[in-house]
Amino acid sequence: MNSYEIILWLHVAIMGYWIGSDLVVNALTHYVTRASTLPGPERRRLWEFLMHVDQHPRNALILSVPLGFTLSAQIGLIWLDSAAMAMLWIGSAAWFAYMWLVHWKRSAASGAALARWDWRIRYVLIAMFVYMGVISLVTGKPLAAPWLAWKVLLFAGVMVCGIGIRYYIRESYRVWPRIWAGQGTAEDEQAVRTAMNRATWVLWCLWTLLVVIGWLGVAKPDLGQSP
């Protein structure tokens, strides 16, 4: 296998890893939110395990960025010299490390501040990907193929969905502490279920975008020549 085939294999494997881990996270989420007969501490233990499992889709999201741009560079659809390629991988590694730092420090005094910066990083990247996709559709640069520009635009949509899911998770934390302490009411249980149901709707949108992204990568449809 040459380097292109290896990167392509990894890129496809990451997509399967992403969707597969998301399916597990979603199933476990609904189990925990509906397990009202379990003791509060047990539900908290399961929720903490769920938060660990939820790192896998985040791993996949970050890893797909350098892999995707490396593939595009190797087939001449974006120009990246060796220095730019190195910066891409170093930046992605730093983002990956920071994402895990936020996870491990989520219960520490610095957890909230670290999480806010994690959100800000994603806002900046969403803006960058939207700009890159739109400007490429208009001018043909830096992404030479319209289908690739659409992949980048849709990936920005995936990141927006991820933020939406995390928003509803944060909403659930308004009532989880009472449930974990064994003081939850029927209204608290309903609030958690509502938040997680809404997060699932957003997750379905994310999966739809991933399927379309995957199709664009395989089919490489002729969407019209860039200017």
Protein backbone atom coordinates (compact mmCIF):
# COMPACT_ATOMS: atom_id res chain seq x y z
CA MET A 1 0.00 0.00 0.00
CA ASN A 2 1.22 3.49 -0.82
CA SER A 3 0.76 6.49 1.48
CA TYR A 4 -2.43 7.59 -0.26
CA GLU A 5 -4.06 4.19 0.17
CA ILE A 6 -3.07 4.10 3.85
CA ILE A 7 -4.51 7.56 4.51
CA LEU A 8 -7.66 6.67 2.56
CA TRP A 9 -8.11 3.46 4.58
CA LEU A 10 -7.67 5.38 7.84
CA HIS A 11 -10.12 8.06 6.69
CA VAL A 12 -12.80 5.45 5.94
CA ALA A 13 -12.09 3.58 9.19
CA ILE A 14 -12.48 6.80 11.17
CA MET A 15 -15.93 7.33 9.61
CA GLY A 16 -17.03 3.86 10.75
CA TYR A 17 -15.49 4.41 14.19
CA TRP A 18 -17.37 7.71 14.46
CA ILE A 19 -20.83 6.43 13.57
CA GLY A 20 -20.39 3.19 15.52
CA SER A 21 -19.35 4.94 18.71
CA ASP A 22 -22.17 7.47 18.29
CA LEU A 23 -24.68 4.62 18.12
CA VAL A 24 -23.36 3.22 21.40
CA VAL A 25 -23.41 6.64 23.07
CA ASN A 26 -26.98 7.30 21.95
CA ALA A 27 -28.25 3.91 23.12
CA LEU A 28 -26.56 4.24 26.50
CA THR A 29 -27.82 7.81 26.89
CA HIS A 30 -31.44 6.75 26.53
CA TYR A 31 -30.92 3.81 28.87
CA VAL A 32 -29.52 6.04 31.61
CA THR A 33 -32.16 8.74 31.20
CA ARG A 34 -35.00 6.22 31.41
CA ALA A 35 -33.59 4.09 34.23
CA SER A 36 -35.56 5.94 36.90
CA THR A 37 -35.78 2.83 39.09
CA LEU A 38 -32.01 2.68 39.52
CA PRO A 39 -30.46 4.33 42.60
CA GLY A 40 -29.13 7.83 41.99
CA PRO A 41 -25.44 6.92 42.59
CA GLU A 42 -25.69 4.04 40.11
CA ARG A 43 -27.14 6.34 37.45
CA ARG A 44 -24.34 8.79 38.11
CA ARG A 45 -21.76 6.02 37.68
CA LEU A 46 -23.35 5.04 34.37
CA TRP A 47 -23.45 8.68 33.27
CA GLU A 48 -19.75 9.11 34.04
CA PHE A 49 -19.04 6.00 31.97
CA LEU A 50 -21.17 7.48 29.19
CA MET A 51 -19.07 10.66 29.23
CA HIS A 52 -15.95 8.55 28.77
CA VAL A 53 -17.50 6.69 25.82
CA ASP A 54 -18.58 10.02 24.33
CA GLN A 55 -14.93 10.88 23.79
CA HIS A 56 -14.79 8.42 20.90
CA PRO A 57 -16.95 10.47 18.49
CA ARG A 58 -14.89 13.52 19.44
CA ASN A 59 -11.71 11.59 18.68
CA ALA A 60 -13.12 10.76 15.24
CA LEU A 61 -14.18 14.33 14.49
CA ILE A 62 -10.71 15.72 15.16
CA LEU A 63 -8.81 12.91 13.43
CA SER A 64 -10.92 13.25 10.28
CA VAL A 65 -9.68 16.81 9.72
CA PRO A 66 -5.96 16.18 9.04
CA LEU A 67 -6.72 12.90 7.29
CA GLY A 68 -9.23 14.55 4.93
CA PHE A 69 -6.99 17.49 4.04
CA THR A 70 -3.99 15.18 3.58
CA LEU A 71 -5.97 13.07 1.12
CA SER A 72 -7.07 16.19 -0.76
CA ALA A 73 -3.49 17.43 -0.97
CA GLN A 74 -2.24 14.09 -2.28
CA ILE A 75 -4.67 14.18 -5.23
CA GLY A 76 -4.00 17.84 -5.95
CA LEU A 77 -7.31 19.32 -4.79
CA ILE A 78 -5.67 21.66 -2.27
CA TRP A 79 -2.13 22.98 -2.19
CA LEU A 80 -0.27 22.19 1.02
CA ASP A 81 3.51 22.28 1.11
CA SER A 82 5.49 20.31 3.68
CA ALA A 83 5.45 23.18 6.20
CA ALA A 84 1.67 23.65 5.89
CA MET A 85 1.12 19.90 6.19
CA ALA A 86 3.24 19.79 9.34
CA MET A 87 1.28 22.72 10.82
CA LEU A 88 -1.99 20.95 9.99
CA TRP A 89 -0.97 17.79 11.86
CA ILE A 90 0.61 19.66 14.78
CA GLY A 91 -2.47 21.86 15.15
CA SER A 92 -4.76 18.84 15.01
CA ALA A 93 -2.65 17.03 17.61
CA ALA A 94 -2.82 20.09 19.88
CA TRP A 95 -6.61 20.24 19.47
CA PHE A 96 -6.85 16.52 20.21
CA ALA A 97 -4.76 16.89 23.37
CA TYR A 98 -6.77 19.90 24.52
CA MET A 99 -10.04 18.05 23.98
CA TRP A 100 -8.82 15.30 26.29
CA LEU A 101 -7.57 17.86 28.83
CA VAL A 102 -11.06 19.38 28.94
CA HIS A 103 -12.51 15.93 29.51
CA TRP A 104 -10.20 14.97 32.36
CA LYS A 105 -10.50 18.37 34.03
CA ARG A 106 -14.28 18.68 33.65
CA SER A 107 -14.86 18.31 37.42
CA ALA A 108 -11.91 20.49 38.45
CA ALA A 109 -12.09 24.15 39.36
CA SER A 110 -10.67 25.03 35.94
CA GLY A 111 -13.14 22.75 34.12
CA ALA A 112 -15.71 25.39 33.17
CA ALA A 113 -13.09 27.79 31.80
CA LEU A 114 -11.40 25.04 29.80
CA ALA A 115 -14.76 23.97 28.36
CA ARG A 116 -15.56 27.55 27.29
CA TRP A 117 -12.30 27.71 25.34
CA ASP A 118 -13.07 24.35 23.77
CA TRP A 119 -16.34 25.80 22.47
CA ARG A 120 -14.51 28.91 21.19
CA ILE A 121 -12.03 26.78 19.26
CA ARG A 122 -14.92 25.06 17.55
CA TYR A 123 -16.62 28.37 16.70
CA VAL A 124 -13.41 29.57 15.03
CA LEU A 125 -13.01 26.32 13.08
CA ILE A 126 -16.65 26.37 11.96
CA ALA A 127 -16.16 29.90 10.63
CA MET A 128 -12.94 28.86 8.88
CA PHE A 129 -14.55 25.83 7.22
CA VAL A 130 -17.59 27.82 6.10
CA TYR A 131 -15.36 30.51 4.63
CA MET A 132 -13.13 27.94 2.91
CA GLY A 133 -16.11 26.12 1.43
CA VAL A 134 -17.91 29.23 0.20
CA ILE A 135 -14.85 30.96 -1.24
CA SER A 136 -13.87 27.74 -3.02
CA LEU A 137 -17.31 27.43 -4.62
CA VAL A 138 -17.03 31.04 -5.82
CA THR A 139 -13.38 31.16 -6.90
CA GLY A 140 -12.19 27.55 -7.15
CA LYS A 141 -9.54 28.09 -4.47
CA PRO A 142 -8.23 26.79 -2.12
CA LEU A 143 -10.37 23.70 -2.81
CA ALA A 144 -10.28 22.86 -6.49
CA ALA A 145 -13.39 20.62 -6.67
CA PRO A 146 -16.94 21.77 -5.83
CA TRP A 147 -17.75 18.41 -4.24
CA LEU A 148 -14.83 18.88 -1.85
CA ALA A 149 -15.96 22.41 -1.03
CA TRP A 150 -19.37 21.01 -0.15
CA LYS A 151 -17.76 18.35 2.04
CA VAL A 152 -16.00 21.06 4.02
CA LEU A 153 -19.20 23.10 4.31
CA LEU A 154 -21.14 20.07 5.53
CA PHE A 155 -18.37 19.24 7.97
CA ALA A 156 -18.89 22.70 9.47
CA GLY A 157 -22.55 21.68 9.82
CA VAL A 158 -21.45 18.51 11.62
CA MET A 159 -19.50 20.63 14.10
CA VAL A 160 -22.55 22.85 14.63
CA CYS A 161 -24.60 19.73 15.39
CA GLY A 162 -21.95 18.63 17.87
CA ILE A 163 -22.26 21.94 19.69
CA GLY A 164 -26.05 21.55 19.68
CA ILE A 165 -25.79 18.10 21.28
CA ARG A 166 -23.44 19.43 23.94
CA TYR A 167 -25.86 22.28 24.61
CA TYR A 168 -28.62 19.81 25.50
CA ILE A 169 -26.21 17.79 27.63
CA ARG A 170 -25.45 20.97 29.56
CA GLU A 171 -29.18 21.59 29.93
CA SER A 172 -29.57 18.15 31.53
CA TYR A 173 -27.02 19.10 34.19
CA ARG A 174 -29.59 21.51 35.62
CA VAL A 175 -31.44 18.55 37.12
CA TRP A 176 -29.01 15.61 37.13
CA PRO A 177 -27.48 16.52 40.53
CA ARG A 178 -30.88 16.22 42.23
CA ILE A 179 -31.54 12.88 40.53
CA TRP A 180 -28.12 11.55 41.50
CA ALA A 181 -28.76 12.62 45.09
CA GLY A 182 -32.04 10.69 45.13
CA GLN A 183 -34.07 13.90 45.31
CA GLY A 184 -35.30 14.03 41.72
CA THR A 185 -38.95 14.67 40.96
CA ALA A 186 -41.08 13.46 38.07
CA GLU A 187 -40.52 16.88 36.50
CA ASP A 188 -36.75 16.41 36.78
CA GLU A 189 -36.97 13.02 35.08
CA GLN A 190 -39.04 14.51 32.29
CA ALA A 191 -36.61 17.41 31.88
CA VAL A 192 -33.71 14.99 31.39
CA ARG A 193 -35.63 12.89 28.90
CA THR A 194 -36.70 15.98 26.95
CA ALA A 195 -33.13 17.29 26.76
CA MET A 196 -31.77 13.96 25.57
CA ASN A 197 -34.60 13.48 23.05
CA ARG A 198 -33.79 16.86 21.55
CA ALA A 199 -30.10 15.97 21.48
CA THR A 200 -31.02 12.81 19.57
CA TRP A 201 -32.83 14.83 16.92
CA VAL A 202 -29.67 16.88 16.46
CA LEU A 203 -27.64 13.66 16.35
CA TRP A 204 -29.80 12.36 13.51
CA CYS A 205 -29.04 15.56 11.59
CA LEU A 206 -25.34 14.97 12.26
CA TRP A 207 -25.55 11.39 10.95
CA THR A 208 -27.37 12.59 7.84
CA LEU A 209 -24.59 15.07 7.15
CA LEU A 210 -21.95 12.37 7.66
CA VAL A 211 -23.71 10.08 5.19
CA VAL A 212 -23.81 12.86 2.58
CA ILE A 213 -20.14 13.69 3.26
CA GLY A 214 -19.24 10.03 2.79
CA TRP A 215 -21.20 9.87 -0.47
CA LEU A 216 -19.48 12.98 -1.81
CA GLY A 217 -16.09 11.47 -1.01
CA VAL A 218 -16.89 8.19 -2.79
CA ALA A 219 -18.93 9.47 -5.75
CA LYS A 220 -17.01 12.72 -6.33
CA PRO A 221 -20.00 14.01 -8.33
CA ASP A 222 -19.63 16.59 -11.06
CA LEU A 223 -21.28 19.60 -9.43
CA GLY A 224 -20.08 22.02 -12.05
CA GLN A 225 -16.63 23.40 -12.62
CA SER A 226 -15.22 25.93 -10.21
CA PRO A 227 -14.43 29.34 -11.75
